[in-house]
Amino acid sequence: MIAAAKSPPAALTWHPFSKLFPMLPEDRLQELADDIRENGLRCPIIIDDQDRILDGRNRSAACEIAGVKPVLEPFHGTEQEALRL
């Protein structure tokens, strides 16, 4: 279950599940950052109750490059449910 969006903490860390998907190459990450700067972040970054990114590592990095405050949505569910994100 995903709850209402919240403000980003000072520093986000990665949940081990997020590492199942590789980071984009630098040129693709820059393209994503440019798109987020122009159009905003379309999909929020999903975090767990310890402020670790479950889904959205590349979006988080692109927001940082673009200078855009990321939109975060807390996830409240089991680890099995988190694997399905």
Protein backbone atom coordinates (compact mmCIF):
# COMPACT_ATOMS: atom_id res chain seq x y z
CA MET A 1 0.00 0.00 0.00
CA ILE A 2 1.30 3.46 -0.91
CA ALA A 3 0.42 6.40 1.34
CA ALA A 4 0.36 10.15 0.74
CA ALA A 5 3.47 11.90 -0.57
CA LYS A 6 5.94 13.35 1.93
CA SER A 7 8.90 15.71 1.89
CA PRO A 8 12.29 14.20 1.09
CA PRO A 9 14.62 13.50 4.01
CA ALA A 10 18.07 15.06 4.07
CA ALA A 11 19.63 12.01 2.43
CA LEU A 12 17.96 9.05 0.80
CA THR A 13 19.60 5.67 0.82
CA TRP A 14 18.84 2.64 -1.32
CA HIS A 15 16.93 -0.38 -0.18
CA PRO A 16 18.65 -3.58 -1.37
CA PHE A 17 15.60 -4.35 -3.55
CA SER A 18 16.19 -1.18 -5.57
CA LYS A 19 19.53 -2.55 -6.68
CA LEU A 20 17.76 -5.27 -8.68
CA PHE A 21 17.57 -2.72 -11.49
CA PRO A 22 20.77 -1.14 -12.85
CA MET A 23 21.50 2.56 -12.94
CA LEU A 24 21.13 4.21 -16.33
CA PRO A 25 24.24 5.12 -18.32
CA GLU A 26 25.27 8.76 -17.83
CA ASP A 27 23.82 9.97 -21.14
CA ARG A 28 20.41 8.37 -20.46
CA LEU A 29 20.42 9.69 -16.90
CA GLN A 30 21.07 13.19 -18.28
CA GLU A 31 18.17 12.75 -20.73
CA LEU A 32 15.91 11.76 -17.84
CA ALA A 33 17.12 14.77 -15.81
CA ASP A 34 16.41 17.10 -18.74
CA ASP A 35 12.90 15.63 -19.11
CA ILE A 36 12.18 15.97 -15.39
CA ARG A 37 13.43 19.58 -15.44
CA GLU A 38 11.12 20.39 -18.38
CA ASN A 39 8.07 18.28 -17.50
CA GLY A 40 8.36 17.49 -13.81
CA LEU A 41 8.63 14.14 -12.09
CA ARG A 42 5.76 11.98 -13.39
CA CYS A 43 6.22 8.93 -11.15
CA PRO A 44 7.02 9.47 -7.48
CA ILE A 45 9.93 7.78 -5.77
CA ILE A 46 8.72 5.01 -3.47
CA ILE A 47 10.43 4.83 -0.07
CA ASP A 48 10.12 2.50 2.91
CA ASP A 49 9.65 3.47 6.55
CA GLN A 50 13.43 3.91 6.92
CA ASP A 51 13.57 6.47 4.05
CA ARG A 52 15.27 3.99 1.73
CA ILE A 53 14.39 4.04 -1.96
CA LEU A 54 12.44 0.94 -2.99
CA ASP A 55 11.64 2.16 -6.49
CA GLY A 56 13.07 5.17 -8.30
CA ARG A 57 16.86 5.17 -7.94
CA ASN A 58 17.31 6.61 -11.43
CA ARG A 59 14.52 9.14 -10.95
CA SER A 60 16.11 10.24 -7.66
CA ALA A 61 19.52 10.68 -9.30
CA ALA A 62 17.94 12.54 -12.23
CA CYS A 63 16.09 14.89 -9.86
CA GLU A 64 19.38 15.69 -8.16
CA ILE A 65 21.04 16.43 -11.52
CA ALA A 66 18.05 18.54 -12.61
CA GLY A 67 17.85 20.43 -9.32
CA VAL A 68 14.24 19.30 -8.85
CA LYS A 69 12.83 18.36 -5.44
CA PRO A 70 11.72 14.72 -5.74
CA VAL A 71 8.20 13.62 -4.90
CA LEU A 72 8.26 10.74 -2.43
CA GLU A 73 5.53 8.26 -1.57
CA PRO A 74 5.92 6.08 1.51
CA PHE A 75 5.27 2.37 1.05
CA HIS A 76 3.59 0.50 3.89
CA GLY A 77 3.57 -3.18 3.13
CA THR A 78 5.46 -6.40 3.44
CA GLU A 79 8.79 -7.19 1.81
CA GLN A 80 6.96 -9.61 -0.50
CA GLU A 81 4.69 -6.77 -1.63
CA ALA A 82 7.73 -4.50 -2.08
CA LEU A 83 9.27 -7.00 -4.49
CA ARG A 84 6.26 -6.48 -6.78
CA LEU A 85 6.80 -2.73 -7.17
